[in-house]
Each structure stands twice: as C-alpha cells, then as structure tokens.
C-alpha cells in the first residue's frame, strides 16, 4: 500500500509537473518577448531552457517520493551528464553552436538565410538544431554547427537591397533615348527608392548590340515583386516606343 501511494503520487507529480512546466515556460516566453532588446529568437531559446530545467526539477521531486536523497540524485545526474557529454560530443557541439547563434544573432526567426548547404526561412533556433522552411514550403532541420561554422548570407537583415537588370539593344538604336525611357519607367514606380538614385549605364558592347545595365534600390520586403513588375513594364514600355531588344 505504501509503495502504491508513492507510485500514484509520483505519477500525479510527473503529469502535473509536465503540464505546469509547459505553462510556466510559455508565460515566461510571452513576458520576455515584451522586452525591447529581446527578440523572438532569444525568447524561444529561454523558453526551451526553462522548460527542460523545470522537467529536471520535477524528475528529482518524483524520485524523492521513493526516498531517494536529492544529493544522491544530483551526484548521479552529474556523473551521467559527464558520461553522456563524452559519448555525445557532437550533441554538446550542437548546444554550444546554438548558444553562439543566439548571442551573436547572425539569423533570427522569420529571416531568409543562405549557406553553402542550406537556405530557407528561420522557424526556430533550438538547443540542438535550427528548424527552417524552404521557399517552396518544405520543412528543413539543420544542425546548429552547420549554420555556425559556415558563412551565412542573410537576405532579410538589411532594410534595402540593390537590384540589377540588363537590357540589350541594337547598335543602331539611340542608347541615350533608351536610357531616358528606362529611367522614366523606373522612376514611376513608388517602390524604387530615391536614395541611392537609380542609374542606367552601358555595360557591354558586341558587334551587333549594346548592353545597358539598370541599378536601383528597393525595400527588402518588396525586392522580388518590384523586380518582376519592372521587367514586364520595361518590356512593354520599350516596345511601345519602338525599341527592339536583342
């Protein structure tokens, strides 16, 4: 009977502690997220650390129901942690890389990043791996060292981004007139930034054509759509003025 009540109490403690740790960690994450200097990436990391820490405390309390001393449990956990750390050096490396990613923050939740092996939107930076979603909606999980030990191109961090478009015309076409027409079309788009100013210049010459290069800046969030729309507008606008593209 005595062990029966201990088992029931341990089960109740385990279930209640599991639920309570999840609630406390979520509330903590919501509270930390309201701090201006803490972003969603760090808040989620603190949530995971607190959650696992509370689960360890629950586990120690459950073992205490069976008369196991806390000092013995801590000593056993320390020895087990050392053994596991030596056996799973790669996992410890993942944790260390995850901490460095959170401290230096080369990437954040919602940003689109690209490395030599992976690219996609950051969903969550965990203790062991980073969850991502590719541009075509696929789930991707990258071990933290994969992102820490390699150069990262962050496509979302800067507010503005430059775009280049090339237009090839025949050598018998008035290049200056085409440049003015291109500038007129580009300047009419409100998404194109005024500073730095857009510009058009000759960037290539062959026996039968001249290559004009358009450079402009747009907001990072509008960069792709602005490019797609301007390609169509340039094609239609130049054709309407009798400019044949090569």
Protein backbone atom coordinates (compact mmCIF):
# COMPACT_ATOMS: atom_id res chain seq x y z
CA UNK A 1 0.00 0.00 0.00
CA UNK A 2 2.82 2.39 0.90
CA UNK A 3 4.56 1.91 -2.46
CA UNK A 4 1.20 2.06 -4.22
CA UNK A 5 0.50 5.55 -2.86
CA UNK A 6 4.07 6.57 -3.69
CA UNK A 7 3.62 5.45 -7.29
CA UNK A 8 0.29 7.28 -7.61
CA UNK A 9 1.83 10.42 -6.10
CA UNK A 10 4.82 10.15 -8.44
CA UNK A 11 2.55 9.84 -11.47
CA UNK A 12 0.50 12.85 -10.37
CA UNK A 13 3.66 14.86 -9.76
CA UNK A 14 5.07 13.85 -13.13
CA UNK A 15 1.92 14.73 -15.09
CA UNK A 16 1.23 17.91 -13.14
CA UNK A 17 4.87 18.99 -13.30
CA UNK A 18 4.98 18.37 -17.06
CA UNK A 19 1.90 20.49 -17.64
CA UNK A 20 2.97 23.21 -15.19
CA UNK A 21 6.48 23.47 -16.68
CA UNK A 22 4.99 23.95 -20.12
CA UNK A 23 2.66 26.69 -18.87
CA UNK A 24 5.39 28.50 -16.92
CA UNK A 25 7.83 28.37 -19.83
CA UNK A 26 5.20 29.75 -22.24
CA UNK A 27 4.26 32.56 -19.84
CA UNK A 28 7.94 33.38 -19.40
CA UNK A 29 8.43 33.47 -23.18
CA UNK A 30 5.49 35.86 -23.56
CA UNK A 31 6.85 38.10 -20.80
CA UNK A 32 10.39 38.14 -22.20
CA UNK A 33 9.06 38.92 -25.68
CA UNK A 34 7.72 42.25 -24.38
CA UNK A 35 11.26 43.41 -23.54
CA UNK A 36 12.51 45.64 -26.34
CA UNK A 37 16.02 44.19 -26.52
CA UNK A 38 14.81 40.58 -26.58
CA UNK A 39 13.54 39.26 -29.91
CA UNK A 40 11.50 36.14 -30.65
CA UNK A 41 14.59 34.02 -31.31
CA UNK A 42 16.04 34.56 -27.84
CA UNK A 43 12.64 34.32 -26.15
CA UNK A 44 12.06 30.85 -27.60
CA UNK A 45 15.52 29.71 -26.53
CA UNK A 46 14.90 30.85 -22.94
CA UNK A 47 11.54 29.08 -23.05
CA UNK A 48 13.21 25.78 -24.01
CA UNK A 49 15.93 26.11 -21.36
CA UNK A 50 13.38 26.89 -18.64
CA UNK A 51 11.12 24.05 -19.76
CA UNK A 52 13.87 21.42 -19.62
CA UNK A 53 15.19 22.82 -16.34
CA UNK A 54 11.76 22.52 -14.73
CA UNK A 55 11.39 18.98 -16.05
CA UNK A 56 14.68 18.03 -14.35
CA UNK A 57 13.36 19.53 -11.10
CA UNK A 58 10.14 17.51 -11.49
CA UNK A 59 12.16 14.35 -12.10
CA UNK A 60 14.19 14.96 -8.93
CA UNK A 61 10.99 15.55 -6.94
CA UNK A 62 9.43 12.34 -8.29
CA UNK A 63 12.46 10.30 -7.25
CA UNK A 64 12.21 11.93 -3.82
CA UNK A 65 8.81 10.27 -3.46
CA UNK A 66 10.64 6.95 -3.25
CA UNK A 67 13.11 8.11 -0.60
CA UNK A 68 16.00 8.92 -2.94
CA UNK A 69 18.07 11.76 -1.46
CA UNK A 70 18.42 14.92 -3.56
CA UNK A 71 22.20 14.96 -3.09
CA UNK A 72 22.44 11.44 -4.48
CA UNK A 73 20.26 12.39 -7.42
CA UNK A 74 22.36 15.46 -8.22
CA UNK A 75 25.57 13.43 -7.99
CA UNK A 76 24.10 10.75 -10.25
CA UNK A 77 22.91 13.37 -12.73
CA UNK A 78 26.34 14.98 -12.73
CA UNK A 79 28.07 11.68 -13.42
CA UNK A 80 25.51 10.77 -16.06
CA UNK A 81 25.87 14.20 -17.64
CA UNK A 82 29.64 13.79 -17.84
CA UNK A 83 29.32 10.35 -19.38
CA UNK A 84 26.71 11.49 -21.86
CA UNK A 85 28.77 14.57 -22.71
CA UNK A 86 31.80 12.41 -23.52
CA UNK A 87 29.71 9.97 -25.51
CA UNK A 88 27.76 12.63 -27.37
CA UNK A 89 30.39 15.25 -28.11
CA UNK A 90 28.57 16.14 -31.32
CA UNK A 91 25.41 16.94 -29.37
CA UNK A 92 27.33 19.17 -26.97
CA UNK A 93 28.81 20.90 -30.01
CA UNK A 94 25.26 21.49 -31.29
CA UNK A 95 24.30 23.16 -27.99
CA UNK A 96 27.42 25.34 -27.99
CA UNK A 97 26.75 26.39 -31.59
CA UNK A 98 23.12 27.17 -30.75
CA UNK A 99 24.20 29.40 -27.85
CA UNK A 100 26.64 31.26 -30.09
CA UNK A 101 23.95 31.76 -32.72
CA UNK A 102 21.72 33.30 -30.06
CA UNK A 103 24.46 35.51 -28.64
CA UNK A 104 25.78 36.90 -31.93
CA UNK A 105 22.41 36.63 -33.74
CA UNK A 106 23.51 36.32 -37.38
CA UNK A 107 20.00 34.99 -38.01
CA UNK A 108 16.60 35.49 -36.40
CA UNK A 109 13.17 33.91 -36.59
CA UNK A 110 11.44 34.87 -39.86
CA UNK A 111 14.62 35.82 -41.73
CA UNK A 112 15.66 34.17 -45.01
CA UNK A 113 19.25 32.94 -44.91
CA UNK A 114 21.52 31.02 -47.25
CA UNK A 115 24.68 29.00 -46.61
CA UNK A 116 26.72 26.69 -48.78
CA UNK A 117 24.45 23.75 -47.95
CA UNK A 118 21.07 25.08 -46.75
CA UNK A 119 18.75 28.00 -47.37
CA UNK A 120 15.31 28.96 -46.14
CA UNK A 121 13.29 30.92 -43.59
CA UNK A 122 14.21 30.53 -39.90
CA UNK A 123 11.35 28.99 -37.90
CA UNK A 124 13.06 28.29 -34.57
CA UNK A 125 16.60 28.04 -33.18
CA UNK A 126 16.66 25.11 -30.76
CA UNK A 127 19.27 23.72 -28.40
CA UNK A 128 20.43 21.11 -30.91
CA UNK A 129 19.19 22.17 -34.34
CA UNK A 130 17.53 25.01 -36.20
CA UNK A 131 14.16 24.48 -37.85
CA UNK A 132 13.72 26.12 -41.25
CA UNK A 133 11.19 26.30 -44.06
CA UNK A 134 12.34 26.46 -47.66
CA UNK A 135 10.95 28.95 -50.17
CA UNK A 136 8.77 26.21 -51.66
CA UNK A 137 7.30 25.26 -48.26
CA UNK A 138 9.42 22.25 -47.31
CA UNK A 139 10.45 21.54 -43.72
CA UNK A 140 14.20 21.62 -43.11
CA UNK A 141 16.15 20.91 -39.93
CA UNK A 142 19.83 21.95 -39.87
CA UNK A 143 22.22 21.02 -37.03
CA UNK A 144 23.42 24.19 -35.35
CA UNK A 145 27.12 23.66 -36.27
CA UNK A 146 26.03 23.63 -39.93
CA UNK A 147 24.99 27.27 -39.55
CA UNK A 148 27.70 28.36 -37.12
CA UNK A 149 30.78 27.02 -38.90
CA UNK A 150 29.99 28.41 -42.34
CA UNK A 151 29.49 31.84 -43.95
CA UNK A 152 25.86 32.98 -43.81
CA UNK A 153 24.13 35.25 -46.31
CA UNK A 154 21.15 36.90 -44.63
CA UNK A 155 18.69 38.13 -47.26
CA UNK A 156 16.35 39.77 -44.73
CA UNK A 157 18.58 41.64 -42.29
CA UNK A 158 19.17 44.87 -44.23
CA UNK A 159 16.16 47.14 -44.92
CA UNK A 160 17.14 47.85 -48.54
CA UNK A 161 18.60 45.81 -51.36
CA UNK A 162 20.03 46.62 -54.78
CA UNK A 163 18.82 45.01 -57.99
CA UNK A 164 20.40 44.92 -61.43
CA UNK A 165 18.57 44.38 -64.71
CA UNK A 166 20.17 44.18 -68.14
CA UNK A 167 18.65 45.44 -71.37
CA UNK A 168 20.28 44.60 -74.72
CA UNK A 169 19.58 46.87 -77.70
CA UNK A 170 20.88 47.04 -81.25
CA UNK A 171 23.85 49.25 -82.02
CA UNK A 172 21.70 51.24 -84.42
CA UNK A 173 19.37 52.27 -81.56
CA UNK A 174 19.82 55.59 -79.75
CA UNK A 175 21.21 54.42 -76.42
CA UNK A 176 20.69 57.78 -74.68
CA UNK A 177 17.00 57.83 -75.62
CA UNK A 178 16.58 54.27 -74.32
CA UNK A 179 18.30 55.22 -71.06
CA UNK A 180 15.90 58.12 -70.58
CA UNK A 181 12.92 55.86 -71.24
CA UNK A 182 14.19 53.26 -68.77
CA UNK A 183 14.68 55.94 -66.11
CA UNK A 184 11.18 57.25 -66.75
CA UNK A 185 9.65 53.80 -66.25
CA UNK A 186 11.69 53.06 -63.13
CA UNK A 187 11.08 56.46 -61.53
CA UNK A 188 7.32 55.99 -61.91
CA UNK A 189 7.41 53.01 -59.54
CA UNK A 190 6.97 54.20 -55.94
CA UNK A 191 8.72 51.11 -54.59
CA UNK A 192 12.03 52.19 -56.16
CA UNK A 193 13.99 54.19 -53.60
CA UNK A 194 15.05 57.74 -54.43
CA UNK A 195 18.29 57.36 -52.45
CA UNK A 196 20.54 55.90 -53.65
CA UNK A 197 19.29 57.10 -57.01
CA UNK A 198 18.66 54.56 -59.77
CA UNK A 199 21.02 54.72 -62.70
CA UNK A 200 21.45 53.26 -66.19
CA UNK A 201 24.82 52.79 -67.87
CA UNK A 202 26.36 50.93 -70.81
CA UNK A 203 27.90 47.73 -69.55
CA UNK A 204 28.69 45.70 -72.67
CA UNK A 205 29.34 46.03 -76.38
CA UNK A 206 29.43 43.49 -79.20
CA UNK A 207 29.35 43.75 -82.96
CA UNK A 208 25.56 43.94 -83.08
CA UNK A 209 24.30 45.05 -79.66
CA UNK A 210 24.85 47.27 -76.64
CA UNK A 211 24.05 46.04 -73.14
CA UNK A 212 22.52 48.59 -70.77
CA UNK A 213 22.51 47.87 -67.02
CA UNK A 214 19.87 49.28 -64.69
CA UNK A 215 20.67 49.54 -60.98
CA UNK A 216 18.13 50.55 -58.35
CA UNK A 217 17.38 50.00 -54.67
CA UNK A 218 14.13 48.78 -53.15
CA UNK A 219 12.93 47.63 -49.74
CA UNK A 220 14.00 44.09 -48.96
CA UNK A 221 10.39 43.05 -48.38
CA UNK A 222 9.42 44.35 -51.85
CA UNK A 223 12.59 43.45 -53.73
CA UNK A 224 11.36 40.40 -55.63
CA UNK A 225 7.94 41.75 -56.63
CA UNK A 226 9.44 45.07 -57.74
CA UNK A 227 11.88 43.23 -60.00
CA UNK A 228 9.18 41.07 -61.60
CA UNK A 229 6.91 44.05 -62.27
CA UNK A 230 9.68 46.23 -63.70
CA UNK A 231 10.73 43.54 -66.16
CA UNK A 232 7.21 43.50 -67.62
CA UNK A 233 6.94 47.29 -67.64
CA UNK A 234 10.31 47.73 -69.31
CA UNK A 235 9.46 45.21 -71.99
CA UNK A 236 6.09 46.81 -72.74
CA UNK A 237 7.32 50.39 -72.40
CA UNK A 238 10.32 49.95 -74.69
CA UNK A 239 8.24 48.06 -77.26
CA UNK A 240 5.67 50.86 -77.26
CA UNK A 241 8.46 53.31 -78.15
CA UNK A 242 9.73 51.11 -80.98
CA UNK A 243 12.82 49.81 -79.18
CA UNK A 244 13.75 46.31 -80.33
CA UNK A 245 15.51 44.23 -77.70
CA UNK A 246 18.32 41.91 -78.69
